[in-house]
Amino acid sequence: MAHASSEDIRKHVKVYFAVFAALAFLTVLTVAVSYLHLPLPKAILVALVVASIKGALVATFFMHLSSEKKIIYAILLLTVFFFAVLLLIPVLS
């Protein structure tokens, strides 16, 4: 079993702290946008964009998807596509 060097561990910890800072900032941004009293469609759009970025950060770094094979990305993109289709069904009908 290979052991990680202390330099590798420091690198990973630095990345995790950066992701934590980004998630904290995006959470503060979400709360700040709620005080802007945007029209409902724009508020939902902003909330979905921020939530998508946060979800992508969590999936990429905490779930280690950045080191996965291409098939994982293909499945993920297919899931996003079908999610978008499901969101559009009520709008188009």
N, C-alpha and C. Protein backbone atom coordinates (compact mmCIF):
# COMPACT_ATOMS: atom_id res chain seq x y z
N MET A 1 0.84 -1.17 0.00
CA MET A 1 0.00 0.00 0.00
C MET A 1 0.89 1.23 0.00
N ALA A 2 0.66 2.11 -0.94
CA ALA A 2 1.49 3.31 -1.06
C ALA A 2 1.00 4.38 -0.09
N HIS A 3 1.95 5.03 0.55
CA HIS A 3 1.62 6.10 1.48
C HIS A 3 1.87 7.44 0.81
N ALA A 4 1.00 8.39 1.07
CA ALA A 4 1.14 9.72 0.49
C ALA A 4 2.21 10.49 1.26
N SER A 5 2.96 11.28 0.54
CA SER A 5 3.97 12.10 1.20
C SER A 5 3.30 13.28 1.88
N SER A 6 4.02 13.91 2.77
CA SER A 6 3.44 15.06 3.48
C SER A 6 3.17 16.21 2.52
N GLU A 7 3.94 16.30 1.45
CA GLU A 7 3.70 17.35 0.46
C GLU A 7 2.39 17.11 -0.29
N ASP A 8 2.10 15.85 -0.61
CA ASP A 8 0.84 15.52 -1.26
C ASP A 8 -0.35 15.83 -0.35
N ILE A 9 -0.20 15.51 0.91
CA ILE A 9 -1.28 15.78 1.87
C ILE A 9 -1.51 17.27 1.99
N ARG A 10 -0.44 18.05 2.08
CA ARG A 10 -0.58 19.51 2.16
C ARG A 10 -1.30 20.06 0.92
N LYS A 11 -0.96 19.50 -0.23
CA LYS A 11 -1.60 19.94 -1.48
C LYS A 11 -3.10 19.67 -1.44
N HIS A 12 -3.48 18.49 -0.99
CA HIS A 12 -4.90 18.14 -0.92
C HIS A 12 -5.64 18.99 0.12
N VAL A 13 -5.01 19.22 1.24
CA VAL A 13 -5.63 20.05 2.27
C VAL A 13 -5.83 21.46 1.76
N LYS A 14 -4.86 21.97 1.02
CA LYS A 14 -4.98 23.32 0.46
C LYS A 14 -6.15 23.39 -0.52
N VAL A 15 -6.32 22.36 -1.34
CA VAL A 15 -7.44 22.31 -2.29
C VAL A 15 -8.76 22.25 -1.53
N TYR A 16 -8.83 21.43 -0.48
CA TYR A 16 -10.07 21.31 0.29
C TYR A 16 -10.43 22.64 0.97
N PHE A 17 -9.44 23.35 1.48
CA PHE A 17 -9.72 24.65 2.08
C PHE A 17 -10.20 25.65 1.03
N ALA A 18 -9.64 25.60 -0.16
CA ALA A 18 -10.08 26.49 -1.23
C ALA A 18 -11.52 26.18 -1.63
N VAL A 19 -11.85 24.91 -1.73
CA VAL A 19 -13.22 24.52 -2.07
C VAL A 19 -14.17 24.94 -0.95
N PHE A 20 -13.76 24.76 0.30
CA PHE A 20 -14.58 25.20 1.42
C PHE A 20 -14.83 26.71 1.35
N ALA A 21 -13.79 27.47 1.06
CA ALA A 21 -13.94 28.93 0.96
C ALA A 21 -14.91 29.29 -0.17
N ALA A 22 -14.80 28.60 -1.30
CA ALA A 22 -15.70 28.87 -2.42
C ALA A 22 -17.14 28.52 -2.05
N LEU A 23 -17.34 27.39 -1.37
CA LEU A 23 -18.69 27.01 -0.96
C LEU A 23 -19.26 28.00 0.05
N ALA A 24 -18.43 28.45 0.97
CA ALA A 24 -18.89 29.44 1.96
C ALA A 24 -19.26 30.74 1.26
N PHE A 25 -18.43 31.18 0.32
CA PHE A 25 -18.73 32.41 -0.42
C PHE A 25 -20.03 32.27 -1.20
N LEU A 26 -20.22 31.14 -1.85
CA LEU A 26 -21.44 30.94 -2.63
C LEU A 26 -22.68 30.87 -1.74
N THR A 27 -22.52 30.35 -0.53
CA THR A 27 -23.63 30.34 0.41
C THR A 27 -23.99 31.76 0.84
N VAL A 28 -22.98 32.56 1.13
CA VAL A 28 -23.21 33.97 1.47
C VAL A 28 -23.85 34.69 0.28
N LEU A 29 -23.39 34.39 -0.92
CA LEU A 29 -23.97 34.99 -2.12
C LEU A 29 -25.44 34.62 -2.27
N THR A 30 -25.79 33.37 -2.00
CA THR A 30 -27.17 32.93 -2.07
C THR A 30 -28.04 33.73 -1.10
N VAL A 31 -27.57 33.90 0.12
CA VAL A 31 -28.33 34.65 1.11
C VAL A 31 -28.43 36.12 0.69
N ALA A 32 -27.34 36.68 0.19
CA ALA A 32 -27.35 38.09 -0.22
C ALA A 32 -28.32 38.32 -1.37
N VAL A 33 -28.38 37.40 -2.31
CA VAL A 33 -29.28 37.54 -3.45
C VAL A 33 -30.74 37.47 -2.99
N SER A 34 -30.99 36.73 -1.93
CA SER A 34 -32.38 36.63 -1.44
C SER A 34 -32.88 37.98 -0.92
N TYR A 35 -31.98 38.86 -0.51
CA TYR A 35 -32.37 40.18 -0.03
C TYR A 35 -32.56 41.19 -1.16
N LEU A 36 -32.25 40.82 -2.39
CA LEU A 36 -32.41 41.73 -3.52
C LEU A 36 -33.85 41.82 -4.00
N HIS A 37 -34.69 40.90 -3.58
CA HIS A 37 -36.10 40.87 -3.98
C HIS A 37 -36.24 40.89 -5.51
N LEU A 38 -35.54 39.98 -6.15
CA LEU A 38 -35.64 39.82 -7.60
C LEU A 38 -36.99 39.24 -7.96
N PRO A 39 -37.43 39.46 -9.20
CA PRO A 39 -38.64 38.76 -9.66
C PRO A 39 -38.43 37.25 -9.55
N LEU A 40 -39.49 36.52 -9.30
CA LEU A 40 -39.39 35.09 -9.02
C LEU A 40 -38.61 34.30 -10.08
N PRO A 41 -38.85 34.48 -11.37
CA PRO A 41 -38.07 33.70 -12.35
C PRO A 41 -36.57 33.99 -12.27
N LYS A 42 -36.20 35.25 -12.09
CA LYS A 42 -34.77 35.57 -11.98
C LYS A 42 -34.18 35.04 -10.69
N ALA A 43 -34.94 35.08 -9.61
CA ALA A 43 -34.46 34.56 -8.33
C ALA A 43 -34.22 33.05 -8.42
N ILE A 44 -35.14 32.36 -9.08
CA ILE A 44 -34.98 30.91 -9.25
C ILE A 44 -33.78 30.61 -10.13
N LEU A 45 -33.59 31.37 -11.19
CA LEU A 45 -32.45 31.17 -12.07
C LEU A 45 -31.13 31.36 -11.32
N VAL A 46 -31.03 32.43 -10.56
CA VAL A 46 -29.80 32.69 -9.80
C VAL A 46 -29.58 31.58 -8.78
N ALA A 47 -30.63 31.17 -8.09
CA ALA A 47 -30.50 30.10 -7.09
C ALA A 47 -30.04 28.80 -7.74
N LEU A 48 -30.60 28.47 -8.90
CA LEU A 48 -30.20 27.24 -9.58
C LEU A 48 -28.76 27.29 -10.08
N VAL A 49 -28.34 28.45 -10.57
CA VAL A 49 -26.96 28.59 -11.05
C VAL A 49 -25.99 28.43 -9.88
N VAL A 50 -26.27 29.11 -8.79
CA VAL A 50 -25.37 29.02 -7.62
C VAL A 50 -25.37 27.59 -7.08
N ALA A 51 -26.54 26.97 -6.98
CA ALA A 51 -26.62 25.59 -6.48
C ALA A 51 -25.90 24.62 -7.41
N SER A 52 -25.97 24.87 -8.71
CA SER A 52 -25.27 24.00 -9.67
C SER A 52 -23.76 24.12 -9.52
N ILE A 53 -23.29 25.33 -9.31
CA ILE A 53 -21.85 25.53 -9.11
C ILE A 53 -21.40 24.84 -7.82
N LYS A 54 -22.18 25.01 -6.76
CA LYS A 54 -21.84 24.36 -5.49
C LYS A 54 -21.86 22.84 -5.62
N GLY A 55 -22.87 22.32 -6.31
CA GLY A 55 -22.94 20.88 -6.53
C GLY A 55 -21.77 20.36 -7.34
N ALA A 56 -21.37 21.13 -8.35
CA ALA A 56 -20.23 20.73 -9.17
C ALA A 56 -18.94 20.72 -8.35
N LEU A 57 -18.78 21.69 -7.48
CA LEU A 57 -17.59 21.72 -6.62
C LEU A 57 -17.55 20.51 -5.69
N VAL A 58 -18.68 20.20 -5.08
CA VAL A 58 -18.74 19.06 -4.17
C VAL A 58 -18.46 17.77 -4.93
N ALA A 59 -19.10 17.60 -6.07
CA ALA A 59 -18.91 16.37 -6.84
C ALA A 59 -17.48 16.24 -7.36
N THR A 60 -16.92 17.34 -7.80
CA THR A 60 -15.57 17.29 -8.39
C THR A 60 -14.51 17.00 -7.35
N PHE A 61 -14.56 17.68 -6.21
CA PHE A 61 -13.46 17.56 -5.27
C PHE A 61 -13.74 16.60 -4.11
N PHE A 62 -14.91 16.68 -3.49
CA PHE A 62 -15.17 15.82 -2.34
C PHE A 62 -15.57 14.42 -2.73
N MET A 63 -16.16 14.27 -3.92
CA MET A 63 -16.51 12.94 -4.40
C MET A 63 -15.46 12.41 -5.38
N HIS A 64 -14.40 13.17 -5.58
CA HIS A 64 -13.23 12.77 -6.39
C HIS A 64 -13.57 12.44 -7.83
N LEU A 65 -14.53 13.16 -8.40
CA LEU A 65 -14.88 12.92 -9.80
C LEU A 65 -13.86 13.49 -10.76
N SER A 66 -12.96 14.34 -10.27
CA SER A 66 -11.96 14.92 -11.15
C SER A 66 -10.96 13.88 -11.66
N SER A 67 -10.86 12.76 -10.95
CA SER A 67 -9.92 11.73 -11.38
C SER A 67 -10.61 10.50 -11.96
N GLU A 68 -11.87 10.63 -12.29
CA GLU A 68 -12.62 9.49 -12.82
C GLU A 68 -12.43 9.35 -14.33
N LYS A 69 -12.90 8.24 -14.82
CA LYS A 69 -12.81 7.96 -16.25
C LYS A 69 -13.85 8.76 -17.03
N LYS A 70 -13.68 8.80 -18.33
CA LYS A 70 -14.58 9.57 -19.19
C LYS A 70 -16.01 9.05 -19.17
N ILE A 71 -16.21 7.76 -18.92
CA ILE A 71 -17.57 7.22 -18.90
C ILE A 71 -18.39 7.85 -17.78
N ILE A 72 -17.75 8.18 -16.67
CA ILE A 72 -18.45 8.84 -15.56
C ILE A 72 -18.97 10.19 -16.03
N TYR A 73 -18.14 10.94 -16.75
CA TYR A 73 -18.57 12.25 -17.26
C TYR A 73 -19.70 12.10 -18.27
N ALA A 74 -19.65 11.08 -19.09
CA ALA A 74 -20.71 10.85 -20.07
C ALA A 74 -22.03 10.56 -19.36
N ILE A 75 -21.99 9.74 -18.34
CA ILE A 75 -23.20 9.43 -17.57
C ILE A 75 -23.70 10.68 -16.86
N LEU A 76 -22.80 11.47 -16.31
CA LEU A 76 -23.19 12.70 -15.63
C LEU A 76 -23.85 13.68 -16.60
N LEU A 77 -23.28 13.84 -17.78
CA LEU A 77 -23.87 14.73 -18.78
C LEU A 77 -25.24 14.22 -19.25
N LEU A 78 -25.37 12.92 -19.38
CA LEU A 78 -26.65 12.34 -19.76
C LEU A 78 -27.70 12.61 -18.67
N THR A 79 -27.30 12.51 -17.42
CA THR A 79 -28.20 12.81 -16.31
C THR A 79 -28.63 14.27 -16.34
N VAL A 80 -27.69 15.17 -16.56
CA VAL A 80 -28.01 16.60 -16.64
C VAL A 80 -28.97 16.86 -17.80
N PHE A 81 -28.74 16.20 -18.93
CA PHE A 81 -29.62 16.37 -20.09
C PHE A 81 -31.05 15.95 -19.75
N PHE A 82 -31.21 14.77 -19.16
CA PHE A 82 -32.55 14.30 -18.84
C PHE A 82 -33.20 15.14 -17.74
N PHE A 83 -32.41 15.66 -16.82
CA PHE A 83 -32.93 16.57 -15.81
C PHE A 83 -33.48 17.84 -16.46
N ALA A 84 -32.74 18.36 -17.42
CA ALA A 84 -33.20 19.55 -18.14
C ALA A 84 -34.48 19.26 -18.92
N VAL A 85 -34.56 18.09 -19.51
CA VAL A 85 -35.78 17.71 -20.24
C VAL A 85 -36.96 17.63 -19.28
N LEU A 86 -36.74 17.05 -18.11
CA LEU A 86 -37.83 16.97 -17.13
C LEU A 86 -38.27 18.35 -16.64
N LEU A 87 -37.33 19.27 -16.55
CA LEU A 87 -37.69 20.63 -16.16
C LEU A 87 -38.47 21.35 -17.26
N LEU A 88 -38.20 21.00 -18.49
CA LEU A 88 -38.86 21.67 -19.61
C LEU A 88 -40.23 21.10 -19.95
N ILE A 89 -40.53 19.90 -19.50
CA ILE A 89 -41.82 19.27 -19.82
C ILE A 89 -42.99 20.14 -19.37
N PRO A 90 -43.02 20.64 -18.13
CA PRO A 90 -44.17 21.49 -17.75
C PRO A 90 -44.22 22.82 -18.53
N VAL A 91 -43.07 23.34 -18.90
CA VAL A 91 -43.04 24.61 -19.62
C VAL A 91 -43.57 24.44 -21.03
N LEU A 92 -43.25 23.34 -21.67
CA LEU A 92 -43.65 23.14 -23.06
C LEU A 92 -45.05 22.57 -23.22
N SER A 93 -45.64 22.05 -22.17
CA SER A 93 -46.97 21.45 -22.32
C SER A 93 -48.08 22.41 -21.96
